[in-house]
Amino acid sequence: MSPLESDERSIDMDQLLEQARTVWEGEIDFEGQKLAELLTYAILSISGVVAFFAGYFTQNIYNTLYTGLGGTALTFLLVVPPWPFYNQHPQPWLPPKTGRQAWQGVSIEVDGKKVS
């Protein structure tokens, strides 16, 4: 394999990684985080109770395990990806400042004395 072929493959992998990053990169606002946390607790709790009773009534530990794993997988699919409904209340961010703009209006005081 020549060095040129290696560079072509790395470019292809970089493009592939960038595409994967844009697919999975997403924003979740604070309300979305609260909703994701609520869904996590609710689904895992309900699936745990259902798994317990499924195993208890059938007297089969595999039913308990499979039901619990199914609830965990469902929770994973609902909570981990950044679904659009988790970003319905985005927060506005301040525009970035560079150079001297960043330090304008900033005053640092130490023991009551102005440092800058």
PDB file of N, CA and C in Angstrom:
ATOM      1  N   MET A   1       0.853  -1.167   0.000  1.00  0.00           N
ATOM      2  CA  MET A   1       0.000   0.000   0.000  1.00  0.00           C
ATOM      3  C   MET A   1       0.900   1.231   0.000  1.00  0.00           C
ATOM      4  N   SER A   2       0.624   2.146  -0.890  1.00  0.00           N
ATOM      5  CA  SER A   2       1.440   3.352  -0.978  1.00  0.00           C
ATOM      6  C   SER A   2       0.936   4.389   0.020  1.00  0.00           C
ATOM      7  N   PRO A   3       1.776   5.371   0.361  1.00  0.00           N
ATOM      8  CA  PRO A   3       1.332   6.427   1.279  1.00  0.00           C
ATOM      9  C   PRO A   3       0.127   7.195   0.750  1.00  0.00           C
ATOM     10  N   LEU A   4       0.020   7.312  -0.569  1.00  0.00           N
ATOM     11  CA  LEU A   4      -1.112   8.026  -1.148  1.00  0.00           C
ATOM     12  C   LEU A   4      -2.422   7.294  -0.865  1.00  0.00           C
ATOM     13  N   GLU A   5      -2.407   5.968  -0.971  1.00  0.00           N
ATOM     14  CA  GLU A   5      -3.611   5.190  -0.671  1.00  0.00           C
ATOM     15  C   GLU A   5      -3.998   5.332   0.793  1.00  0.00           C
ATOM     16  N   SER A   6      -3.014   5.392   1.653  1.00  0.00           N
ATOM     17  CA  SER A   6      -3.277   5.569   3.079  1.00  0.00           C
ATOM     18  C   SER A   6      -3.934   6.919   3.339  1.00  0.00           C
ATOM     19  N   ASP A   7      -3.460   7.975   2.665  1.00  0.00           N
ATOM     20  CA  ASP A   7      -4.053   9.298   2.835  1.00  0.00           C
ATOM     21  C   ASP A   7      -5.492   9.326   2.333  1.00  0.00           C
ATOM     22  N   GLU A   8      -5.750   8.636   1.208  1.00  0.00           N
ATOM     23  CA  GLU A   8      -7.110   8.590   0.682  1.00  0.00           C
ATOM     24  C   GLU A   8      -8.048   7.891   1.655  1.00  0.00           C
ATOM     25  N   ARG A   9      -7.579   6.829   2.267  1.00  0.00           N
ATOM     26  CA  ARG A   9      -8.415   6.112   3.239  1.00  0.00           C
ATOM     27  C   ARG A   9      -8.675   6.964   4.468  1.00  0.00           C
ATOM     28  N   SER A  10      -7.668   7.713   4.929  1.00  0.00           N
ATOM     29  CA  SER A  10      -7.877   8.545   6.109  1.00  0.00           C
ATOM     30  C   SER A  10      -8.850   9.673   5.807  1.00  0.00           C
ATOM     31  N   ILE A  11      -8.821  10.198   4.576  1.00  0.00           N
ATOM     32  CA  ILE A  11      -9.788  11.228   4.205  1.00  0.00           C
ATOM     33  C   ILE A  11     -11.192  10.635   4.196  1.00  0.00           C
ATOM     34  N   ASP A  12     -11.339   9.430   3.659  1.00  0.00           N
ATOM     35  CA  ASP A  12     -12.642   8.778   3.656  1.00  0.00           C
ATOM     36  C   ASP A  12     -13.136   8.538   5.078  1.00  0.00           C
ATOM     37  N   MET A  13     -12.251   8.109   5.950  1.00  0.00           N
ATOM     38  CA  MET A  13     -12.639   7.870   7.342  1.00  0.00           C
ATOM     39  C   MET A  13     -12.995   9.178   8.033  1.00  0.00           C
ATOM     40  N   ASP A  14     -12.258  10.259   7.721  1.00  0.00           N
ATOM     41  CA  ASP A  14     -12.585  11.557   8.304  1.00  0.00           C
ATOM     42  C   ASP A  14     -13.972  12.014   7.861  1.00  0.00           C
ATOM     43  N   GLN A  15     -14.279  11.814   6.597  1.00  0.00           N
ATOM     44  CA  GLN A  15     -15.601  12.183   6.101  1.00  0.00           C
ATOM     45  C   GLN A  15     -16.682  11.328   6.749  1.00  0.00           C
ATOM     46  N   LEU A  16     -16.413  10.059   6.898  1.00  0.00           N
ATOM     47  CA  LEU A  16     -17.365   9.159   7.530  1.00  0.00           C
ATOM     48  C   LEU A  16     -17.593   9.546   8.988  1.00  0.00           C
ATOM     49  N   LEU A  17     -16.513   9.856   9.682  1.00  0.00           N
ATOM     50  CA  LEU A  17     -16.632  10.291  11.074  1.00  0.00           C
ATOM     51  C   LEU A  17     -17.409  11.596  11.185  1.00  0.00           C
ATOM     52  N   GLU A  18     -17.162  12.517  10.279  1.00  0.00           N
ATOM     53  CA  GLU A  18     -17.872  13.796  10.305  1.00  0.00           C
ATOM     54  C   GLU A  18     -19.363  13.597  10.056  1.00  0.00           C
ATOM     55  N   GLN A  19     -19.714  12.712   9.139  1.00  0.00           N
ATOM     56  CA  GLN A  19     -21.123  12.418   8.892  1.00  0.00           C
ATOM     57  C   GLN A  19     -21.773  11.789  10.117  1.00  0.00           C
ATOM     58  N   ALA A  20     -21.077  10.863  10.741  1.00  0.00           N
ATOM     59  CA  ALA A  20     -21.619  10.227  11.945  1.00  0.00           C
ATOM     60  C   ALA A  20     -21.773  11.247  13.064  1.00  0.00           C
ATOM     61  N   ARG A  21     -20.828  12.156  13.166  1.00  0.00           N
ATOM     62  CA  ARG A  21     -20.887  13.173  14.217  1.00  0.00           C
ATOM     63  C   ARG A  21     -22.081  14.096  14.013  1.00  0.00           C
ATOM     64  N   THR A  22     -22.349  14.487  12.759  1.00  0.00           N
ATOM     65  CA  THR A  22     -23.487  15.366  12.517  1.00  0.00           C
ATOM     66  C   THR A  22     -24.809  14.648  12.759  1.00  0.00           C
ATOM     67  N   VAL A  23     -24.849  13.332  12.524  1.00  0.00           N
ATOM     68  CA  VAL A  23     -26.076  12.583  12.782  1.00  0.00           C
ATOM     69  C   VAL A  23     -26.345  12.491  14.280  1.00  0.00           C
ATOM     70  N   TRP A  24     -25.333  12.188  15.068  1.00  0.00           N
ATOM     71  CA  TRP A  24     -25.528  11.946  16.494  1.00  0.00           C
ATOM     72  C   TRP A  24     -25.344  13.175  17.361  1.00  0.00           C
ATOM     73  N   GLU A  25     -24.770  14.238  16.805  1.00  0.00           N
ATOM     74  CA  GLU A  25     -24.569  15.433  17.615  1.00  0.00           C
ATOM     75  C   GLU A  25     -25.876  16.205  17.645  1.00  0.00           C
ATOM     76  N   GLY A  26     -26.316  16.524  18.796  1.00  0.00           N
ATOM     77  CA  GLY A  26     -27.559  17.263  18.926  1.00  0.00           C
ATOM     78  C   GLY A  26     -27.565  18.014  20.235  1.00  0.00           C
ATOM     79  N   GLU A  27     -28.446  18.967  20.300  1.00  0.00           N
ATOM     80  CA  GLU A  27     -28.528  19.773  21.510  1.00  0.00           C
ATOM     81  C   GLU A  27     -29.783  19.405  22.283  1.00  0.00           C
ATOM     82  N   ILE A  28     -29.648  19.432  23.585  1.00  0.00           N
ATOM     83  CA  ILE A  28     -30.777  19.206  24.475  1.00  0.00           C
ATOM     84  C   ILE A  28     -30.809  20.380  25.437  1.00  0.00           C
ATOM     85  N   ASP A  29     -31.958  21.049  25.525  1.00  0.00           N
ATOM     86  CA  ASP A  29     -32.054  22.184  26.434  1.00  0.00           C
ATOM     87  C   ASP A  29     -32.334  21.698  27.858  1.00  0.00           C
ATOM     88  N   PHE A  30     -32.428  22.649  28.775  1.00  0.00           N
ATOM     89  CA  PHE A  30     -32.598  22.288  30.185  1.00  0.00           C
ATOM     90  C   PHE A  30     -33.930  21.595  30.445  1.00  0.00           C
ATOM     91  N   GLU A  31     -34.988  22.047  29.783  1.00  0.00           N
ATOM     92  CA  GLU A  31     -36.288  21.383  29.931  1.00  0.00           C
ATOM     93  C   GLU A  31     -36.229  19.964  29.356  1.00  0.00           C
ATOM     94  N   GLY A  32     -35.503  19.795  28.265  1.00  0.00           N
ATOM     95  CA  GLY A  32     -35.326  18.471  27.682  1.00  0.00           C
ATOM     96  C   GLY A  32     -34.558  17.542  28.601  1.00  0.00           C
ATOM     97  N   GLN A  33     -33.570  18.086  29.305  1.00  0.00           N
ATOM     98  CA  GLN A  33     -32.823  17.275  30.272  1.00  0.00           C
ATOM     99  C   GLN A  33     -33.731  16.818  31.406  1.00  0.00           C
ATOM    100  N   LYS A  34     -34.603  17.727  31.846  1.00  0.00           N
ATOM    101  CA  LYS A  34     -35.542  17.365  32.912  1.00  0.00           C
ATOM    102  C   LYS A  34     -36.504  16.275  32.436  1.00  0.00           C
ATOM    103  N   LEU A  35     -36.982  16.416  31.196  1.00  0.00           N
ATOM    104  CA  LEU A  35     -37.879  15.407  30.632  1.00  0.00           C
ATOM    105  C   LEU A  35     -37.171  14.066  30.472  1.00  0.00           C
ATOM    106  N   ALA A  36     -35.926  14.087  30.001  1.00  0.00           N
ATOM    107  CA  ALA A  36     -35.161  12.846  29.836  1.00  0.00           C
ATOM    108  C   ALA A  36     -34.951  12.157  31.180  1.00  0.00           C
ATOM    109  N   GLU A  37     -34.667  12.935  32.209  1.00  0.00           N
ATOM    110  CA  GLU A  37     -34.480  12.350  33.539  1.00  0.00           C
ATOM    111  C   GLU A  37     -35.786  11.740  34.053  1.00  0.00           C
ATOM    112  N   LEU A  38     -36.893  12.448  33.859  1.00  0.00           N
ATOM    113  CA  LEU A  38     -38.194  11.936  34.287  1.00  0.00           C
ATOM    114  C   LEU A  38     -38.547  10.645  33.549  1.00  0.00           C
ATOM    115  N   LEU A  39     -38.319  10.629  32.231  1.00  0.00           N
ATOM    116  CA  LEU A  39     -38.588   9.416  31.457  1.00  0.00           C
ATOM    117  C   LEU A  39     -37.716   8.250  31.918  1.00  0.00           C
ATOM    118  N   THR A  40     -36.454   8.537  32.216  1.00  0.00           N
ATOM    119  CA  THR A  40     -35.547   7.480  32.672  1.00  0.00           C
ATOM    120  C   THR A  40     -36.063   6.838  33.950  1.00  0.00           C
ATOM    121  N   TYR A  41     -36.373   7.672  34.943  1.00  0.00           N
ATOM    122  CA  TYR A  41     -36.858   7.129  36.214  1.00  0.00           C
ATOM    123  C   TYR A  41     -38.184   6.392  36.045  1.00  0.00           C
ATOM    124  N   ALA A  42     -39.099   6.965  35.265  1.00  0.00           N
ATOM    125  CA  ALA A  42     -40.421   6.361  35.118  1.00  0.00           C
ATOM    126  C   ALA A  42     -40.346   5.017  34.391  1.00  0.00           C
ATOM    127  N   ILE A  43     -39.663   4.992  33.250  1.00  0.00           N
ATOM    128  CA  ILE A  43     -39.630   3.754  32.458  1.00  0.00           C
ATOM    129  C   ILE A  43     -38.866   2.655  33.184  1.00  0.00           C
ATOM    130  N   LEU A  44     -37.727   3.001  33.795  1.00  0.00           N
ATOM    131  CA  LEU A  44     -36.968   1.973  34.512  1.00  0.00           C
ATOM    132  C   LEU A  44     -37.727   1.458  35.730  1.00  0.00           C
ATOM    133  N   SER A  45     -38.435   2.339  36.428  1.00  0.00           N
ATOM    134  CA  SER A  45     -39.215   1.897  37.589  1.00  0.00           C
ATOM    135  C   SER A  45     -40.360   0.987  37.167  1.00  0.00           C
ATOM    136  N   ILE A  46     -41.096   1.413  36.157  1.00  0.00           N
ATOM    137  CA  ILE A  46     -42.225   0.601  35.693  1.00  0.00           C
ATOM    138  C   ILE A  46     -41.746  -0.737  35.143  1.00  0.00           C
ATOM    139  N   SER A  47     -40.676  -0.716  34.348  1.00  0.00           N
ATOM    140  CA  SER A  47     -40.189  -1.985  33.794  1.00  0.00           C
ATOM    141  C   SER A  47     -39.624  -2.882  34.888  1.00  0.00           C
ATOM    142  N   GLY A  48     -39.066  -2.314  35.935  1.00  0.00           N
ATOM    143  CA  GLY A  48     -38.587  -3.128  37.051  1.00  0.00           C
ATOM    144  C   GLY A  48     -39.721  -3.824  37.780  1.00  0.00           C
ATOM    145  N   VAL A  49     -40.798  -3.086  38.018  1.00  0.00           N
ATOM    146  CA  VAL A  49     -41.957  -3.677  38.693  1.00  0.00           C
ATOM    147  C   VAL A  49     -42.606  -4.739  37.803  1.00  0.00           C
ATOM    148  N   VAL A  50     -42.777  -4.427  36.524  1.00  0.00           N
ATOM    149  CA  VAL A  50     -43.370  -5.393  35.593  1.00  0.00           C
ATOM    150  C   VAL A  50     -42.482  -6.631  35.485  1.00  0.00           C
ATOM    151  N   ALA A  51     -41.172  -6.434  35.439  1.00  0.00           N
ATOM    152  CA  ALA A  51     -40.244  -7.568  35.346  1.00  0.00           C
ATOM    153  C   ALA A  51     -40.342  -8.450  36.588  1.00  0.00           C
ATOM    154  N   PHE A  52     -40.434  -7.815  37.744  1.00  0.00           N
ATOM    155  CA  PHE A  52     -40.536  -8.592  38.977  1.00  0.00           C
ATOM    156  C   PHE A  52     -41.792  -9.464  38.965  1.00  0.00           C
ATOM    157  N   PHE A  53     -42.934  -8.850  38.652  1.00  0.00           N
ATOM    158  CA  PHE A  53     -44.178  -9.616  38.665  1.00  0.00           C
ATOM    159  C   PHE A  53     -44.225 -10.656  37.547  1.00  0.00           C
ATOM    160  N   ALA A  54     -43.634 -10.349  36.397  1.00  0.00           N
ATOM    161  CA  ALA A  54     -43.592 -11.337  35.309  1.00  0.00           C
ATOM    162  C   ALA A  54     -42.796 -12.559  35.745  1.00  0.00           C
ATOM    163  N   GLY A  55     -41.698 -12.339  36.413  1.00  0.00           N
ATOM    164  CA  GLY A  55     -40.903 -13.466  36.894  1.00  0.00           C
ATOM    165  C   GLY A  55     -41.561 -14.186  38.055  1.00  0.00           C
ATOM    166  N   TYR A  56     -42.214 -13.424  38.926  1.00  0.00           N
ATOM    167  CA  TYR A  56     -42.842 -14.018  40.106  1.00  0.00           C
ATOM    168  C   TYR A  56     -44.010 -14.925  39.716  1.00  0.00           C
ATOM    169  N   PHE A  57     -44.877 -14.430  38.840  1.00  0.00           N
ATOM    170  CA  PHE A  57     -46.058 -15.212  38.484  1.00  0.00           C
ATOM    171  C   PHE A  57     -45.725 -16.406  37.598  1.00  0.00           C
ATOM    172  N   THR A  58     -44.697 -16.296  36.782  1.00  0.00           N
ATOM    173  CA  THR A  58     -44.327 -17.429  35.928  1.00  0.00           C
ATOM    174  C   THR A  58     -43.281 -18.315  36.589  1.00  0.00           C
ATOM    175  N   GLN A  59     -42.725 -17.851  37.704  1.00  0.00           N
ATOM    176  CA  GLN A  59     -41.663 -18.572  38.415  1.00  0.00           C
ATOM    177  C   GLN A  59     -40.498 -18.895  37.471  1.00  0.00           C
ATOM    178  N   ASN A  60     -40.136 -17.886  36.671  1.00  0.00           N
ATOM    179  CA  ASN A  60     -39.063 -18.055  35.706  1.00  0.00           C
ATOM    180  C   ASN A  60     -38.182 -16.809  35.746  1.00  0.00           C
ATOM    181  N   ILE A  61     -36.930 -16.992  36.139  1.00  0.00           N
ATOM    182  CA  ILE A  61     -36.019 -15.859  36.263  1.00  0.00           C
ATOM    183  C   ILE A  61     -35.707 -15.236  34.911  1.00  0.00           C
ATOM    184  N   TYR A  62     -35.766 -16.037  33.847  1.00  0.00           N
ATOM    185  CA  TYR A  62     -35.497 -15.502  32.508  1.00  0.00           C
ATOM    186  C   TYR A  62     -36.541 -14.463  32.099  1.00  0.00           C
ATOM    187  N   ASN A  63     -37.797 -14.681  32.480  1.00  0.00           N
ATOM    188  CA  ASN A  63     -38.824 -13.675  32.195  1.00  0.00           C
ATOM    189  C   ASN A  63     -38.500 -12.360  32.895  1.00  0.00           C
ATOM    190  N   THR A  64     -38.010 -12.446  34.114  1.00  0.00           N
ATOM    191  CA  THR A  64     -37.619 -11.240  34.840  1.00  0.00           C
ATOM    192  C   THR A  64     -36.478 -10.533  34.125  1.00  0.00           C
ATOM    193  N   LEU A  65     -35.466 -11.294  33.755  1.00  0.00           N
ATOM    194  CA  LEU A  65     -34.297 -10.695  33.106  1.00  0.00           C
ATOM    195  C   LEU A  65     -34.648 -10.094  31.752  1.00  0.00           C
ATOM    196  N   TYR A  66     -35.389 -10.827  30.936  1.00  0.00           N
ATOM    197  CA  TYR A  66     -35.725 -10.329  29.601  1.00  0.00           C
ATOM    198  C   TYR A  66     -36.633  -9.100  29.668  1.00  0.00           C
ATOM    199  N   THR A  67     -37.575  -9.102  30.592  1.00  0.00           N
ATOM    200  CA  THR A  67     -38.454  -7.944  30.735  1.00  0.00           C
ATOM    201  C   THR A  67     -37.665  -6.734  31.226  1.00  0.00           C
ATOM    202  N   GLY A  68     -36.781  -6.946  32.182  1.00  0.00           N
ATOM    203  CA  GLY A  68     -35.943  -5.844  32.669  1.00  0.00           C
ATOM    204  C   GLY A  68     -35.002  -5.320  31.602  1.00  0.00           C
ATOM    205  N   LEU A  69     -34.407  -6.228  30.836  1.00  0.00           N
ATOM    206  CA  LEU A  69     -33.523  -5.794  29.751  1.00  0.00           C
ATOM    207  C   LEU A  69     -34.300  -5.073  28.652  1.00  0.00           C
ATOM    208  N   GLY A  70     -35.504  -5.520  28.384  1.00  0.00           N
ATOM    209  CA  GLY A  70     -36.339  -4.832  27.395  1.00  0.00           C
ATOM    210  C   GLY A  70     -36.682  -3.418  27.832  1.00  0.00           C
ATOM    211  N   GLY A  71     -37.004  -3.253  29.110  1.00  0.00           N
ATOM    212  CA  GLY A  71     -37.275  -1.911  29.632  1.00  0.00           C
ATOM    213  C   GLY A  71     -36.048  -1.023  29.592  1.00  0.00           C
ATOM    214  N   THR A  72     -34.886  -1.612  29.869  1.00  0.00           N
ATOM    215  CA  THR A  72     -33.644  -0.846  29.797  1.00  0.00           C
ATOM    216  C   THR A  72     -33.339  -0.436  28.363  1.00  0.00           C
ATOM    217  N   ALA A  73     -33.555  -1.340  27.416  1.00  0.00           N
ATOM    218  CA  ALA A  73     -33.326  -1.020  26.006  1.00  0.00           C
ATOM    219  C   ALA A  73     -34.294   0.064  25.527  1.00  0.00           C
ATOM    220  N   LEU A  74     -35.549  -0.028  25.942  1.00  0.00           N
ATOM    221  CA  LEU A  74     -36.530   0.998  25.588  1.00  0.00           C
ATOM    222  C   LEU A  74     -36.119   2.352  26.153  1.00  0.00           C
ATOM    223  N   THR A  75     -35.673   2.359  27.399  1.00  0.00           N
ATOM    224  CA  THR A  75     -35.207   3.601  28.014  1.00  0.00           C
ATOM    225  C   THR A  75     -34.026   4.170  27.250  1.00  0.00           C
ATOM    226  N   PHE A  76     -33.092   3.305  26.877  1.00  0.00           N
ATOM    227  CA  PHE A  76     -31.925   3.736  26.113  1.00  0.00           C
ATOM    228  C   PHE A  76     -32.346   4.380  24.798  1.00  0.00           C
ATOM    229  N   LEU A  77     -33.275   3.751  24.084  1.00  0.00           N
ATOM    230  CA  LEU A  77     -33.712   4.283  22.791  1.00  0.00           C
ATOM    231  C   LEU A  77     -34.470   5.598  22.922  1.00  0.00           C
ATOM    232  N   LEU A  78     -35.175   5.795  24.022  1.00  0.00           N
ATOM    233  CA  LEU A  78     -35.939   7.028  24.201  1.00  0.00           C
ATOM    234  C   LEU A  78     -35.117   8.178  24.765  1.00  0.00           C
ATOM    235  N   VAL A  79     -34.089   7.867  25.552  1.00  0.00           N
ATOM    236  CA  VAL A  79     -33.397   8.924  26.286  1.00  0.00           C
ATOM    237  C   VAL A  79     -32.050   9.301  25.685  1.00  0.00           C
ATOM    238  N   VAL A  80     -31.286   8.346  25.196  1.00  0.00           N
ATOM    239  CA  VAL A  80     -29.912   8.640  24.777  1.00  0.00           C
ATOM    240  C   VAL A  80     -29.825   9.468  23.495  1.00  0.00           C
ATOM    241  N   PRO A  81     -30.528   9.132  22.410  1.00  0.00           N
ATOM    242  CA  PRO A  81     -30.394   9.980  21.218  1.00  0.00           C
ATOM    243  C   PRO A  81     -30.977  11.373  21.471  1.00  0.00           C
ATOM    244  N   PRO A  82     -30.380  12.396  20.889  1.00  0.00           N
ATOM    245  CA  PRO A  82     -30.893  13.763  21.091  1.00  0.00           C
ATOM    246  C   PRO A  82     -32.106  14.031  20.198  1.00  0.00           C
ATOM    247  N   TRP A  83     -33.243  13.478  20.554  1.00  0.00           N
ATOM    248  CA  TRP A  83     -34.453  13.658  19.763  1.00  0.00           C
ATOM    249  C   TRP A  83     -34.841  15.132  19.747  1.00  0.00           C
ATOM    250  N   PRO A  84     -35.491  15.598  18.664  1.00  0.00           N
ATOM    251  CA  PRO A  84     -35.857  17.021  18.570  1.00  0.00           C
ATOM    252  C   PRO A  84     -36.797  17.497  19.679  1.00  0.00           C
ATOM    253  N   PHE A  85     -37.628  16.619  20.233  1.00  0.00           N
ATOM    254  CA  PHE A  85     -38.541  17.080  21.282  1.00  0.00           C
ATOM    255  C   PHE A  85     -37.816  17.400  22.584  1.00  0.00           C
ATOM    256  N   TYR A  86     -36.532  17.074  22.683  1.00  0.00           N
ATOM    257  CA  TYR A  86     -35.740  17.464  23.846  1.00  0.00           C
ATOM    258  C   TYR A  86     -35.176  18.876  23.709  1.00  0.00           C
ATOM    259  N   ASN A  87     -35.369  19.519  22.561  1.00  0.00           N
ATOM    260  CA  ASN A  87     -34.817  20.858  22.350  1.00  0.00           C
ATOM    261  C   ASN A  87     -35.918  21.821  21.912  1.00  0.00           C
ATOM    262  N   GLN A  88     -37.028  21.837  22.625  1.00  0.00           N
ATOM    263  CA  GLN A  88     -38.131  22.725  22.280  1.00  0.00           C
ATOM    264  C   GLN A  88     -38.015  24.092  22.935  1.00  0.00           C
ATOM    265  N   HIS A  89     -37.165  24.235  23.941  1.00  0.00           N
ATOM    266  CA  HIS A  89     -36.995  25.508  24.645  1.00  0.00           C
ATOM    267  C   HIS A  89     -35.516  25.880  24.693  1.00  0.00           C
ATOM    268  N   PRO A  90     -34.894  26.147  23.544  1.00  0.00           N
ATOM    269  CA  PRO A  90     -33.453  26.447  23.568  1.00  0.00           C
ATOM    270  C   PRO A  90     -33.171  27.780  24.253  1.00  0.00           C
ATOM    271  N   GLN A  91     -32.057  27.847  24.936  1.00  0.00           N
ATOM    272  CA  GLN A  91     -31.642  29.060  25.627  1.00  0.00           C
ATOM    273  C   GLN A  91     -30.781  29.904  24.698  1.00  0.00           C
ATOM    274  N   PRO A  92     -31.028  31.212  24.643  1.00  0.00           N
ATOM    275  CA  PRO A  92     -30.158  32.059  23.824  1.00  0.00           C
ATOM    276  C   PRO A  92     -28.813  32.247  24.527  1.00  0.00           C
ATOM    277  N   TRP A  93     -27.754  32.138  23.760  1.00  0.00           N
ATOM    278  CA  TRP A  93     -26.414  32.316  24.307  1.00  0.00           C
ATOM    279  C   TRP A  93     -25.905  33.691  23.932  1.00  0.00           C
ATOM    280  N   LEU A  94     -25.027  34.243  24.756  1.00  0.00           N
ATOM    281  CA  LEU A  94     -24.419  35.526  24.448  1.00  0.00           C
ATOM    282  C   LEU A  94     -23.445  35.358  23.295  1.00  0.00           C
ATOM    283  N   PRO A  95     -23.327  36.377  22.445  1.00  0.00           N
ATOM    284  CA  PRO A  95     -22.355  36.262  21.352  1.00  0.00           C
ATOM    285  C   PRO A  95     -20.934  36.279  21.908  1.00  0.00           C
ATOM    286  N   PRO A  96     -20.021  35.548  21.284  1.00  0.00           N
ATOM    287  CA  PRO A  96     -18.645  35.516  21.789  1.00  0.00           C
ATOM    288  C   PRO A  96     -17.937  36.843  21.539  1.00  0.00           C
ATOM    289  N   LYS A  97     -17.086  37.209  22.470  1.00  0.00           N
ATOM    290  CA  LYS A  97     -16.281  38.420  22.336  1.00  0.00           C
ATOM    291  C   LYS A  97     -14.823  38.009  22.251  1.00  0.00           C
ATOM    292  N   THR A  98     -14.068  38.748  21.456  1.00  0.00           N
ATOM    293  CA  THR A  98     -12.651  38.435  21.308  1.00  0.00           C
ATOM    294  C   THR A  98     -11.815  39.669  21.598  1.00  0.00           C
ATOM    295  N   GLY A  99     -10.573  39.434  21.939  1.00  0.00           N
ATOM    296  CA  GLY A  99      -9.614  40.526  22.134  1.00  0.00           C
ATOM    297  C   GLY A  99     -10.019  41.474  23.238  1.00  0.00           C
ATOM    298  N   ARG A 100      -9.951  42.752  22.936  1.00  0.00           N
ATOM    299  CA  ARG A 100     -10.245  43.782  23.944  1.00  0.00           C
ATOM    300  C   ARG A 100     -11.722  43.818  24.311  1.00  0.00           C
ATOM    301  N   GLN A 101     -12.590  43.406  23.387  1.00  0.00           N
ATOM    302  CA  GLN A 101     -14.018  43.389  23.693  1.00  0.00           C
ATOM    303  C   GLN A 101     -14.319  42.481  24.876  1.00  0.00           C
ATOM    304  N   ALA A 102     -13.575  41.417  24.984  1.00  0.00           N
ATOM    305  CA  ALA A 102     -13.829  40.454  26.052  1.00  0.00           C
ATOM    306  C   ALA A 102     -13.527  41.043  27.419  1.00  0.00           C
ATOM    307  N   TRP A 103     -12.595  41.979  27.491  1.00  0.00           N
ATOM    308  CA  TRP A 103     -12.197  42.536  28.782  1.00  0.00           C
ATOM    309  C   TRP A 103     -12.888  43.847  29.104  1.00  0.00           C
ATOM    310  N   GLN A 104     -13.644  44.423  28.182  1.00  0.00           N
ATOM    311  CA  GLN A 104     -14.342  45.669  28.463  1.00  0.00           C
ATOM    312  C   GLN A 104     -15.442  45.419  29.481  1.00  0.00           C
ATOM    313  N   GLY A 105     -15.484  46.251  30.479  1.00  0.00           N
ATOM    314  CA  GLY A 105     -16.505  46.137  31.505  1.00  0.00           C
ATOM    315  C   GLY A 105     -16.208  45.098  32.567  1.00  0.00           C
ATOM    316  N   VAL A 106     -15.040  44.467  32.499  1.00  0.00           N
ATOM    317  CA  VAL A 106     -14.671  43.464  33.490  1.00  0.00           C
ATOM    318  C   VAL A 106     -13.782  44.128  34.523  1.00  0.00           C
ATOM    319  N   SER A 107     -14.189  44.048  35.759  1.00  0.00           N
ATOM    320  CA  SER A 107     -13.338  44.575  36.828  1.00  0.00           C
ATOM    321  C   SER A 107     -13.155  43.483  37.873  1.00  0.00           C
ATOM    322  N   ILE A 108     -11.919  43.250  38.216  1.00  0.00           N
ATOM    323  CA  ILE A 108     -11.592  42.219  39.192  1.00  0.00           C
ATOM    324  C   ILE A 108     -11.144  42.910  40.469  1.00  0.00           C
ATOM    325  N   GLU A 109     -11.769  42.520  41.571  1.00  0.00           N
ATOM    326  CA  GLU A 109     -11.409  43.093  42.863  1.00  0.00           C
ATOM    327  C   GLU A 109     -10.915  41.997  43.784  1.00  0.00           C
ATOM    328  N   VAL A 110      -9.808  42.293  44.462  1.00  0.00           N
ATOM    329  CA  VAL A 110      -9.252  41.387  45.452  1.00  0.00           C
ATOM    330  C   VAL A 110      -9.074  42.179  46.733  1.00  0.00           C
ATOM    331  N   ASP A 111      -9.726  41.756  47.781  1.00  0.00           N
ATOM    332  CA  ASP A 111      -9.692  42.440  49.072  1.00  0.00           C
ATOM    333  C   ASP A 111     -10.081  43.905  48.943  1.00  0.00           C
ATOM    334  N   GLY A 112     -11.069  44.183  48.109  1.00  0.00           N
ATOM    335  CA  GLY A 112     -11.564  45.541  47.956  1.00  0.00           C
ATOM    336  C   GLY A 112     -10.738  46.420  47.045  1.00  0.00           C
ATOM    337  N   LYS A 113      -9.645  45.926  46.478  1.00  0.00           N
ATOM    338  CA  LYS A 113      -8.797  46.717  45.582  1.00  0.00           C
ATOM    339  C   LYS A 113      -9.005  46.228  44.153  1.00  0.00           C
ATOM    340  N   LYS A 114      -9.146  47.199  43.244  1.00  0.00           N
ATOM    341  CA  LYS A 114      -9.349  46.868  41.841  1.00  0.00           C
ATOM    342  C   LYS A 114      -8.031  46.416  41.227  1.00  0.00           C
ATOM    343  N   VAL A 115      -8.027  45.240  40.615  1.00  0.00           N
ATOM    344  CA  VAL A 115      -6.808  44.677  40.041  1.00  0.00           C
ATOM    345  C   VAL A 115      -6.678  45.087  38.582  1.00  0.00           C
ATOM    346  N   SER A 116      -7.742  45.021  37.821  1.00  0.00           N
ATOM    347  CA  SER A 116      -7.631  45.400  36.407  1.00  0.00           C
ATOM    348  C   SER A 116      -8.734  46.341  36.015  1.00  0.00           C
TER     349      SER A 116
END
